[in-house]
Amino acid sequence: MNRLEGIRNIVDKILMEQTDLEERRCGYVHLYGVSTICSLLALKRGLDVEICSVAGMLHDIWSYKVGYSVDHGKLGSIEARKILNEINCFSEEEIDIICSSIFSHSNKQNVDNAYCEILKDADVLQHYLYNTNLPINENEKDRLNMLFKELGFNL
């Protein structure tokens, strides 16, 4: 089994249970978008693309599963660990990397390990790219500017 596709199937089932169609659409756009950007940044930074992509797919799974986002990093890391243990094809070290990234992704001001930073950067970039005409979240501006410099873009 392709591990990433297995995770995507689980995420798709969770999203299909979301009765709010707008929330479901946002879930697909955001989770797949962040996952893809995680893959791109992992390639650029020399980290494990699959692990980063899985973290992106699962990073907001708690919010889309239950419909609210209070403590979603912490609760999402618990939900992700449950999913990853059930699918039983990731090592404990891989699960720890994924869940640590999910746990810390909401705190954009902190600098954590390289895997955590990819998820934070991908989350910020997807928020921006969703609609570049919307104002940039104040606590994401610095991270977005640094990311654009890394990628060679001018904001």
C-alpha atoms as a PDB file:
ATOM      1  CA  MET A   1       0.000   0.000   0.000  1.00  0.00           C
ATOM      2  CA  ASN A   2       1.136   3.532  -0.769  1.00  0.00           C
ATOM      3  CA  ARG A   3       1.182   5.158   2.663  1.00  0.00           C
ATOM      4  CA  LEU A   4       0.300   8.663   1.507  1.00  0.00           C
ATOM      5  CA  GLU A   5      -2.682   7.397  -0.493  1.00  0.00           C
ATOM      6  CA  GLY A   6      -3.810   5.424   2.551  1.00  0.00           C
ATOM      7  CA  ILE A   7      -3.777   8.620   4.619  1.00  0.00           C
ATOM      8  CA  ARG A   8      -5.604  10.507   1.874  1.00  0.00           C
ATOM      9  CA  ASN A   9      -8.334   7.841   1.844  1.00  0.00           C
ATOM     10  CA  ILE A  10      -8.797   8.218   5.605  1.00  0.00           C
ATOM     11  CA  VAL A  11      -8.874  12.022   5.346  1.00  0.00           C
ATOM     12  CA  ASP A  12     -11.388  11.833   2.480  1.00  0.00           C
ATOM     13  CA  LYS A  13     -13.703   9.663   4.597  1.00  0.00           C
ATOM     14  CA  ILE A  14     -13.504  12.124   7.489  1.00  0.00           C
ATOM     15  CA  LEU A  15     -14.200  15.066   5.196  1.00  0.00           C
ATOM     16  CA  MET A  16     -17.144  13.308   3.553  1.00  0.00           C
ATOM     17  CA  GLU A  17     -18.742  13.017   6.997  1.00  0.00           C
ATOM     18  CA  GLN A  18     -18.642  16.819   7.325  1.00  0.00           C
ATOM     19  CA  THR A  19     -22.258  17.882   6.735  1.00  0.00           C
ATOM     20  CA  ASP A  20     -21.399  21.564   6.208  1.00  0.00           C
ATOM     21  CA  LEU A  21     -20.572  21.597   2.488  1.00  0.00           C
ATOM     22  CA  GLU A  22     -18.572  24.833   2.693  1.00  0.00           C
ATOM     23  CA  GLU A  23     -16.492  23.418   5.546  1.00  0.00           C
ATOM     24  CA  ARG A  24     -15.989  20.201   3.571  1.00  0.00           C
ATOM     25  CA  ARG A  25     -14.798  22.170   0.527  1.00  0.00           C
ATOM     26  CA  CYS A  26     -12.440  24.220   2.688  1.00  0.00           C
ATOM     27  CA  GLY A  27     -11.115  21.000   4.206  1.00  0.00           C
ATOM     28  CA  TYR A  28     -10.255  19.507   0.840  1.00  0.00           C
ATOM     29  CA  VAL A  29      -8.686  22.714  -0.455  1.00  0.00           C
ATOM     30  CA  HIS A  30      -6.689  23.396   2.697  1.00  0.00           C
ATOM     31  CA  LEU A  31      -5.495  19.896   3.609  1.00  0.00           C
ATOM     32  CA  TYR A  32      -4.515  18.900   0.079  1.00  0.00           C
ATOM     33  CA  GLY A  33      -2.991  22.345  -0.511  1.00  0.00           C
ATOM     34  CA  VAL A  34      -0.872  22.278   2.636  1.00  0.00           C
ATOM     35  CA  SER A  35       0.170  18.694   1.908  1.00  0.00           C
ATOM     36  CA  THR A  36       1.337  19.614  -1.598  1.00  0.00           C
ATOM     37  CA  ILE A  37       3.234  22.672  -0.376  1.00  0.00           C
ATOM     38  CA  CYS A  38       4.837  20.510   2.341  1.00  0.00           C
ATOM     39  CA  SER A  39       6.083  18.195  -0.412  1.00  0.00           C
ATOM     40  CA  LEU A  40       7.547  21.102  -2.364  1.00  0.00           C
ATOM     41  CA  LEU A  41       9.311  22.559   0.681  1.00  0.00           C
ATOM     42  CA  ALA A  42      10.603  19.133   1.729  1.00  0.00           C
ATOM     43  CA  LEU A  43      12.130  18.665  -1.726  1.00  0.00           C
ATOM     44  CA  LYS A  44      13.760  22.098  -1.518  1.00  0.00           C
ATOM     45  CA  ARG A  45      15.042  21.604   2.038  1.00  0.00           C
ATOM     46  CA  GLY A  46      16.126  17.980   1.681  1.00  0.00           C
ATOM     47  CA  LEU A  47      13.684  16.382   4.114  1.00  0.00           C
ATOM     48  CA  ASP A  48      11.463  13.320   3.771  1.00  0.00           C
ATOM     49  CA  VAL A  49       8.765  14.338   1.274  1.00  0.00           C
ATOM     50  CA  GLU A  50       6.302  11.612   2.260  1.00  0.00           C
ATOM     51  CA  ILE A  51       6.478  12.394   5.989  1.00  0.00           C
ATOM     52  CA  CYS A  52       5.999  16.105   5.325  1.00  0.00           C
ATOM     53  CA  SER A  53       3.092  15.460   2.968  1.00  0.00           C
ATOM     54  CA  VAL A  54       1.367  13.209   5.523  1.00  0.00           C
ATOM     55  CA  ALA A  55       1.802  15.881   8.206  1.00  0.00           C
ATOM     56  CA  GLY A  56       0.171  18.366   5.853  1.00  0.00           C
ATOM     57  CA  MET A  57      -2.768  16.039   5.175  1.00  0.00           C
ATOM     58  CA  LEU A  58      -3.400  15.494   8.875  1.00  0.00           C
ATOM     59  CA  HIS A  59      -2.481  18.860  10.405  1.00  0.00           C
ATOM     60  CA  ASP A  60      -6.057  20.211  10.747  1.00  0.00           C
ATOM     61  CA  ILE A  61      -7.890  16.891  10.768  1.00  0.00           C
ATOM     62  CA  TRP A  62      -9.315  17.493  14.247  1.00  0.00           C
ATOM     63  CA  SER A  63     -10.888  20.801  13.172  1.00  0.00           C
ATOM     64  CA  TYR A  64     -12.562  19.271  10.137  1.00  0.00           C
ATOM     65  CA  LYS A  65     -13.649  16.172  12.045  1.00  0.00           C
ATOM     66  CA  VAL A  66     -15.343  17.950  14.944  1.00  0.00           C
ATOM     67  CA  GLY A  67     -16.109  21.363  13.430  1.00  0.00           C
ATOM     68  CA  TYR A  68     -14.131  23.648  15.747  1.00  0.00           C
ATOM     69  CA  SER A  69     -10.521  24.630  16.088  1.00  0.00           C
ATOM     70  CA  VAL A  70      -9.868  25.314  19.782  1.00  0.00           C
ATOM     71  CA  ASP A  71      -6.610  23.543  20.720  1.00  0.00           C
ATOM     72  CA  HIS A  72      -6.627  21.923  17.276  1.00  0.00           C
ATOM     73  CA  GLY A  73      -2.840  21.512  17.156  1.00  0.00           C
ATOM     74  CA  LYS A  74      -2.751  19.520  20.363  1.00  0.00           C
ATOM     75  CA  LEU A  75      -5.972  17.593  19.700  1.00  0.00           C
ATOM     76  CA  GLY A  76      -5.027  17.094  16.052  1.00  0.00           C
ATOM     77  CA  SER A  77      -1.708  15.543  17.028  1.00  0.00           C
ATOM     78  CA  ILE A  78      -3.600  13.065  19.241  1.00  0.00           C
ATOM     79  CA  GLU A  79      -6.041  12.250  16.410  1.00  0.00           C
ATOM     80  CA  ALA A  80      -3.178  11.911  13.916  1.00  0.00           C
ATOM     81  CA  ARG A  81      -1.319   9.507  16.222  1.00  0.00           C
ATOM     82  CA  LYS A  82      -4.491   7.415  16.496  1.00  0.00           C
ATOM     83  CA  ILE A  83      -4.886   7.315  12.702  1.00  0.00           C
ATOM     84  CA  LEU A  84      -1.211   6.544  12.097  1.00  0.00           C
ATOM     85  CA  ASN A  85      -1.206   3.755  14.675  1.00  0.00           C
ATOM     86  CA  GLU A  86      -4.379   2.247  13.181  1.00  0.00           C
ATOM     87  CA  ILE A  87      -3.008   2.256   9.629  1.00  0.00           C
ATOM     88  CA  ASN A  88       0.064   0.478  11.080  1.00  0.00           C
ATOM     89  CA  CYS A  89       2.600   1.308   8.371  1.00  0.00           C
ATOM     90  CA  PHE A  90       4.625   4.103   9.977  1.00  0.00           C
ATOM     91  CA  SER A  91       7.467   3.686  12.448  1.00  0.00           C
ATOM     92  CA  GLU A  92       7.264   5.254  15.906  1.00  0.00           C
ATOM     93  CA  GLU A  93       9.943   7.752  14.863  1.00  0.00           C
ATOM     94  CA  GLU A  94       7.924   8.780  11.787  1.00  0.00           C
ATOM     95  CA  ILE A  95       4.750   9.097  13.863  1.00  0.00           C
ATOM     96  CA  ASP A  96       6.589  11.253  16.399  1.00  0.00           C
ATOM     97  CA  ILE A  97       7.878  13.574  13.649  1.00  0.00           C
ATOM     98  CA  ILE A  98       4.417  13.939  12.093  1.00  0.00           C
ATOM     99  CA  CYS A  99       2.608  14.447  15.402  1.00  0.00           C
ATOM    100  CA  SER A 100       5.198  16.884  16.748  1.00  0.00           C
ATOM    101  CA  SER A 101       4.784  18.977  13.596  1.00  0.00           C
ATOM    102  CA  ILE A 102       1.014  18.974  13.956  1.00  0.00           C
ATOM    103  CA  PHE A 103       1.213  19.799  17.667  1.00  0.00           C
ATOM    104  CA  SER A 104       3.347  22.909  17.092  1.00  0.00           C
ATOM    105  CA  HIS A 105       2.010  24.171  13.748  1.00  0.00           C
ATOM    106  CA  SER A 106      -0.308  26.805  15.224  1.00  0.00           C
ATOM    107  CA  ASN A 107       2.479  28.681  16.989  1.00  0.00           C
ATOM    108  CA  LYS A 108       3.929  30.478  13.988  1.00  0.00           C
ATOM    109  CA  GLN A 109       6.157  32.765  16.132  1.00  0.00           C
ATOM    110  CA  ASN A 110       8.212  29.874  17.558  1.00  0.00           C
ATOM    111  CA  VAL A 111      10.994  28.244  15.583  1.00  0.00           C
ATOM    112  CA  ASP A 112      11.018  24.469  16.037  1.00  0.00           C
ATOM    113  CA  ASN A 113      12.718  21.605  14.205  1.00  0.00           C
ATOM    114  CA  ALA A 114      12.941  21.487  10.409  1.00  0.00           C
ATOM    115  CA  TYR A 115       9.845  19.282   9.978  1.00  0.00           C
ATOM    116  CA  CYS A 116       7.721  21.557  12.181  1.00  0.00           C
ATOM    117  CA  GLU A 117       8.907  24.581  10.215  1.00  0.00           C
ATOM    118  CA  ILE A 118       7.897  23.038   6.888  1.00  0.00           C
ATOM    119  CA  LEU A 119       4.353  22.483   8.143  1.00  0.00           C
ATOM    120  CA  LYS A 120       4.108  26.016   9.554  1.00  0.00           C
ATOM    121  CA  ASP A 121       5.455  27.510   6.325  1.00  0.00           C
ATOM    122  CA  ALA A 122       3.137  25.405   4.155  1.00  0.00           C
ATOM    123  CA  ASP A 123       0.131  26.369   6.279  1.00  0.00           C
ATOM    124  CA  VAL A 124       0.962  30.080   5.974  1.00  0.00           C
ATOM    125  CA  LEU A 125       1.615  29.845   2.234  1.00  0.00           C
ATOM    126  CA  GLN A 126      -1.638  27.986   1.575  1.00  0.00           C
ATOM    127  CA  HIS A 127      -3.594  30.598   3.552  1.00  0.00           C
ATOM    128  CA  TYR A 128      -2.017  33.309   1.405  1.00  0.00           C
ATOM    129  CA  LEU A 129      -2.426  31.511  -1.936  1.00  0.00           C
ATOM    130  CA  TYR A 130      -6.079  30.657  -1.274  1.00  0.00           C
ATOM    131  CA  ASN A 131      -6.907  34.263  -2.129  1.00  0.00           C
ATOM    132  CA  THR A 132      -4.032  36.736  -2.498  1.00  0.00           C
ATOM    133  CA  ASN A 133      -6.495  39.645  -2.391  1.00  0.00           C
ATOM    134  CA  LEU A 134      -7.325  38.977   1.255  1.00  0.00           C
ATOM    135  CA  PRO A 135      -5.287  40.737   3.960  1.00  0.00           C
ATOM    136  CA  ILE A 136      -2.375  38.746   5.342  1.00  0.00           C
ATOM    137  CA  ASN A 137      -2.813  37.579   8.928  1.00  0.00           C
ATOM    138  CA  GLU A 138      -0.565  39.780  11.057  1.00  0.00           C
ATOM    139  CA  ASN A 139       1.074  36.854  12.901  1.00  0.00           C
ATOM    140  CA  GLU A 140       1.902  35.193   9.553  1.00  0.00           C
ATOM    141  CA  LYS A 141       3.495  38.184   7.747  1.00  0.00           C
ATOM    142  CA  ASP A 142       7.087  37.687   8.870  1.00  0.00           C
ATOM    143  CA  ARG A 143       7.041  33.975   8.147  1.00  0.00           C
ATOM    144  CA  LEU A 144       5.491  34.562   4.718  1.00  0.00           C
ATOM    145  CA  ASN A 145       8.092  37.216   3.849  1.00  0.00           C
ATOM    146  CA  MET A 146      10.953  34.911   4.863  1.00  0.00           C
ATOM    147  CA  LEU A 147       9.427  32.059   2.866  1.00  0.00           C
ATOM    148  CA  PHE A 148       9.053  34.254  -0.228  1.00  0.00           C
ATOM    149  CA  LYS A 149      12.708  35.297   0.047  1.00  0.00           C
ATOM    150  CA  GLU A 150      13.699  31.619   0.273  1.00  0.00           C
ATOM    151  CA  LEU A 151      11.639  30.830  -2.827  1.00  0.00           C
ATOM    152  CA  GLY A 152      12.911  33.898  -4.704  1.00  0.00           C
ATOM    153  CA  PHE A 153       9.578  35.763  -4.816  1.00  0.00           C
ATOM    154  CA  ASN A 154       8.912  39.434  -4.124  1.00  0.00           C
ATOM    155  CA  LEU A 155       5.809  40.181  -2.077  1.00  0.00           C
END
